[in-house]
Amino acid sequence: MPTYDYRCNHCGRKFALFYKSYKDYEAATSHICPHCQSTDVIRRISRVAIAQPSRDLSTLSSNEMLSVLDSGNSREVGKMFQQVADSTGENLGDSFNEATRRLTKGESIDRVERDLAAGGSTPSPSDAD
């Protein structure tokens, strides 16, 4: 259902009007402020959110995967780990799942690697506070 934002030039209030379709919006001869009933309104352009295209990291070549690892972007590495695990359909173990969870949250790659080498997981900084 299309939503259109307006501001009334008479009372200054902002409001939204809803139409069942774009055709209904075009058919409306005037738009009326619900607060003061004025027809002196102006359409406002609101923020637009554009979703970034998702990248399928599970189909990368080994060199491309190394490039993701070398980037140092822990969230991207965690996303790659998660997509690879999802594409295999197998449970890759608790350590893998914990590392993936922590990386996806943005925790340092070095810290996660150090904790795994020490034989377990330690609370992430947000859990320790």
C-alpha atoms as a PDB file:
ATOM      1  CA  MET A   1       0.000   0.000   0.000  1.00  0.00           C
ATOM      2  CA  PRO A   2       1.675   3.258  -1.108  1.00  0.00           C
ATOM      3  CA  THR A   3       2.223   5.869   1.576  1.00  0.00           C
ATOM      4  CA  TYR A   4       2.721   9.513   0.700  1.00  0.00           C
ATOM      5  CA  ASP A   5       4.098  12.075   3.156  1.00  0.00           C
ATOM      6  CA  TYR A   6       2.819  15.641   3.203  1.00  0.00           C
ATOM      7  CA  ARG A   7       3.220  18.910   5.097  1.00  0.00           C
ATOM      8  CA  CYS A   8       0.340  21.310   5.496  1.00  0.00           C
ATOM      9  CA  ASN A   9       1.223  24.877   4.517  1.00  0.00           C
ATOM     10  CA  HIS A  10      -1.659  26.163   6.659  1.00  0.00           C
ATOM     11  CA  CYS A  11      -1.041  24.493  10.055  1.00  0.00           C
ATOM     12  CA  GLY A  12       2.521  23.244   9.429  1.00  0.00           C
ATOM     13  CA  ARG A  13       1.832  19.666  10.508  1.00  0.00           C
ATOM     14  CA  LYS A  14       3.322  16.661   8.795  1.00  0.00           C
ATOM     15  CA  PHE A  15       1.129  13.697   7.924  1.00  0.00           C
ATOM     16  CA  ALA A  16       0.896  10.658   5.686  1.00  0.00           C
ATOM     17  CA  LEU A  17      -1.849   9.577   3.332  1.00  0.00           C
ATOM     18  CA  PHE A  18      -2.368   5.967   2.339  1.00  0.00           C
ATOM     19  CA  TYR A  19      -3.762   4.786  -0.972  1.00  0.00           C
ATOM     20  CA  LYS A  20      -4.628   1.265  -2.088  1.00  0.00           C
ATOM     21  CA  SER A  21      -2.715   1.758  -5.330  1.00  0.00           C
ATOM     22  CA  TYR A  22      -0.794   4.327  -7.319  1.00  0.00           C
ATOM     23  CA  LYS A  23      -3.870   4.613  -9.560  1.00  0.00           C
ATOM     24  CA  ASP A  24      -5.935   5.723  -6.522  1.00  0.00           C
ATOM     25  CA  TYR A  25      -3.288   8.321  -5.656  1.00  0.00           C
ATOM     26  CA  GLU A  26      -3.370   9.735  -9.190  1.00  0.00           C
ATOM     27  CA  ALA A  27      -7.186   9.810  -9.142  1.00  0.00           C
ATOM     28  CA  ALA A  28      -7.284  11.964  -6.000  1.00  0.00           C
ATOM     29  CA  THR A  29      -7.997  15.528  -7.144  1.00  0.00           C
ATOM     30  CA  SER A  30      -6.783  17.097  -3.922  1.00  0.00           C
ATOM     31  CA  HIS A  31      -5.099  16.032  -0.742  1.00  0.00           C
ATOM     32  CA  ILE A  32      -6.558  17.280   2.538  1.00  0.00           C
ATOM     33  CA  CYS A  33      -4.774  17.874   5.838  1.00  0.00           C
ATOM     34  CA  PRO A  34      -6.446  15.637   8.447  1.00  0.00           C
ATOM     35  CA  HIS A  35      -5.750  18.237  11.185  1.00  0.00           C
ATOM     36  CA  CYS A  36      -7.130  21.475   9.742  1.00  0.00           C
ATOM     37  CA  GLN A  37      -8.866  20.259   6.544  1.00  0.00           C
ATOM     38  CA  SER A  38      -6.770  22.581   4.375  1.00  0.00           C
ATOM     39  CA  THR A  39      -6.008  21.581   0.787  1.00  0.00           C
ATOM     40  CA  ASP A  40      -2.851  23.714   0.815  1.00  0.00           C
ATOM     41  CA  VAL A  41      -0.475  20.790   1.298  1.00  0.00           C
ATOM     42  CA  ILE A  42       2.849  19.893  -0.233  1.00  0.00           C
ATOM     43  CA  ARG A  43       4.209  16.425  -0.808  1.00  0.00           C
ATOM     44  CA  ARG A  44       7.408  15.609   1.071  1.00  0.00           C
ATOM     45  CA  ILE A  45      10.095  13.254  -0.112  1.00  0.00           C
ATOM     46  CA  SER A  46      11.048  10.950   2.729  1.00  0.00           C
ATOM     47  CA  ARG A  47      14.177   8.898   3.190  1.00  0.00           C
ATOM     48  CA  VAL A  48      14.618   5.948   0.966  1.00  0.00           C
ATOM     49  CA  ALA A  49      16.374   2.784   2.094  1.00  0.00           C
ATOM     50  CA  ILE A  50      18.101   0.799  -0.604  1.00  0.00           C
ATOM     51  CA  ALA A  51      19.189  -2.697   0.288  1.00  0.00           C
ATOM     52  CA  GLN A  52      22.677  -3.534  -0.833  1.00  0.00           C
ATOM     53  CA  PRO A  53      22.879  -6.606  -2.999  1.00  0.00           C
ATOM     54  CA  SER A  54      23.902  -9.667  -1.065  1.00  0.00           C
ATOM     55  CA  ARG A  55      27.070 -11.374  -2.189  1.00  0.00           C
ATOM     56  CA  ASP A  56      27.127 -15.184  -2.245  1.00  0.00           C
ATOM     57  CA  LEU A  57      30.445 -15.836  -0.538  1.00  0.00           C
ATOM     58  CA  SER A  58      29.996 -19.608  -0.572  1.00  0.00           C
ATOM     59  CA  THR A  59      30.689 -19.782  -4.317  1.00  0.00           C
ATOM     60  CA  LEU A  60      34.011 -17.936  -4.257  1.00  0.00           C
ATOM     61  CA  SER A  61      37.182 -19.559  -5.501  1.00  0.00           C
ATOM     62  CA  SER A  62      39.845 -20.393  -2.918  1.00  0.00           C
ATOM     63  CA  ASN A  63      41.861 -17.291  -3.936  1.00  0.00           C
ATOM     64  CA  GLU A  64      38.783 -15.092  -3.528  1.00  0.00           C
ATOM     65  CA  MET A  65      38.093 -16.630  -0.097  1.00  0.00           C
ATOM     66  CA  LEU A  66      41.690 -15.895   0.923  1.00  0.00           C
ATOM     67  CA  SER A  67      41.124 -12.330  -0.190  1.00  0.00           C
ATOM     68  CA  VAL A  68      38.099 -12.083   2.127  1.00  0.00           C
ATOM     69  CA  LEU A  69      40.169 -13.519   4.989  1.00  0.00           C
ATOM     70  CA  ASP A  70      43.030 -11.081   4.274  1.00  0.00           C
ATOM     71  CA  SER A  71      40.641  -8.124   4.217  1.00  0.00           C
ATOM     72  CA  GLY A  72      40.460  -8.174   8.016  1.00  0.00           C
ATOM     73  CA  ASN A  73      36.710  -7.478   7.926  1.00  0.00           C
ATOM     74  CA  SER A  74      35.479  -9.855  10.625  1.00  0.00           C
ATOM     75  CA  ARG A  75      31.812  -9.436   9.731  1.00  0.00           C
ATOM     76  CA  GLU A  76      32.532 -10.373   6.098  1.00  0.00           C
ATOM     77  CA  VAL A  77      34.597 -13.385   7.227  1.00  0.00           C
ATOM     78  CA  GLY A  78      31.789 -14.503   9.563  1.00  0.00           C
ATOM     79  CA  LYS A  79      29.270 -14.076   6.756  1.00  0.00           C
ATOM     80  CA  MET A  80      31.452 -16.181   4.449  1.00  0.00           C
ATOM     81  CA  PHE A  81      31.811 -18.900   7.115  1.00  0.00           C
ATOM     82  CA  GLN A  82      28.037 -18.935   7.651  1.00  0.00           C
ATOM     83  CA  GLN A  83      27.265 -19.158   3.932  1.00  0.00           C
ATOM     84  CA  VAL A  84      29.784 -21.963   3.429  1.00  0.00           C
ATOM     85  CA  ALA A  85      28.308 -23.890   6.373  1.00  0.00           C
ATOM     86  CA  ASP A  86      24.771 -23.347   5.066  1.00  0.00           C
ATOM     87  CA  SER A  87      25.775 -24.575   1.589  1.00  0.00           C
ATOM     88  CA  THR A  88      27.266 -27.817   2.959  1.00  0.00           C
ATOM     89  CA  GLY A  89      24.227 -28.647   5.048  1.00  0.00           C
ATOM     90  CA  GLU A  90      26.475 -30.178   7.689  1.00  0.00           C
ATOM     91  CA  ASN A  91      27.070 -29.231  11.291  1.00  0.00           C
ATOM     92  CA  LEU A  92      30.697 -28.120  11.366  1.00  0.00           C
ATOM     93  CA  GLY A  93      30.931 -28.236  15.155  1.00  0.00           C
ATOM     94  CA  ASP A  94      30.520 -26.020  18.172  1.00  0.00           C
ATOM     95  CA  SER A  95      33.879 -24.248  17.764  1.00  0.00           C
ATOM     96  CA  PHE A  96      33.076 -23.345  14.159  1.00  0.00           C
ATOM     97  CA  ASN A  97      29.590 -22.140  15.095  1.00  0.00           C
ATOM     98  CA  GLU A  98      30.917 -20.059  18.000  1.00  0.00           C
ATOM     99  CA  ALA A  99      33.667 -18.509  15.856  1.00  0.00           C
ATOM    100  CA  THR A 100      31.161 -17.723  13.118  1.00  0.00           C
ATOM    101  CA  ARG A 101      28.757 -16.117  15.599  1.00  0.00           C
ATOM    102  CA  ARG A 102      31.478 -13.960  17.134  1.00  0.00           C
ATOM    103  CA  LEU A 103      32.907 -12.887  13.772  1.00  0.00           C
ATOM    104  CA  THR A 104      29.472 -12.012  12.420  1.00  0.00           C
ATOM    105  CA  LYS A 105      28.959  -9.747  15.433  1.00  0.00           C
ATOM    106  CA  GLY A 106      32.187  -7.940  14.497  1.00  0.00           C
ATOM    107  CA  GLU A 107      34.580  -9.343  17.080  1.00  0.00           C
ATOM    108  CA  SER A 108      38.265  -9.184  16.153  1.00  0.00           C
ATOM    109  CA  ILE A 109      39.520 -12.035  13.975  1.00  0.00           C
ATOM    110  CA  ASP A 110      42.738 -12.164  16.011  1.00  0.00           C
ATOM    111  CA  ARG A 111      40.866 -12.470  19.296  1.00  0.00           C
ATOM    112  CA  VAL A 112      38.587 -15.254  18.027  1.00  0.00           C
ATOM    113  CA  GLU A 113      41.573 -17.113  16.579  1.00  0.00           C
ATOM    114  CA  ARG A 114      43.550 -16.704  19.825  1.00  0.00           C
ATOM    115  CA  ASP A 115      40.639 -17.992  21.915  1.00  0.00           C
ATOM    116  CA  LEU A 116      40.188 -21.038  19.664  1.00  0.00           C
ATOM    117  CA  ALA A 117      43.918 -21.813  19.820  1.00  0.00           C
ATOM    118  CA  ALA A 118      43.723 -21.616  23.628  1.00  0.00           C
ATOM    119  CA  GLY A 119      41.221 -24.451  23.569  1.00  0.00           C
ATOM    120  CA  GLY A 120      37.869 -22.814  23.970  1.00  0.00           C
ATOM    121  CA  SER A 121      35.833 -19.734  23.614  1.00  0.00           C
ATOM    122  CA  THR A 122      35.852 -16.792  25.942  1.00  0.00           C
ATOM    123  CA  PRO A 123      33.060 -14.288  26.274  1.00  0.00           C
ATOM    124  CA  SER A 124      33.012 -11.597  23.641  1.00  0.00           C
ATOM    125  CA  PRO A 125      33.678  -8.038  24.920  1.00  0.00           C
ATOM    126  CA  SER A 126      29.928  -7.271  24.945  1.00  0.00           C
ATOM    127  CA  ASP A 127      29.302 -10.392  27.091  1.00  0.00           C
ATOM    128  CA  ALA A 128      32.056  -9.502  29.559  1.00  0.00           C
ATOM    129  CA  ASP A 129      30.588  -6.101  30.486  1.00  0.00           C
END
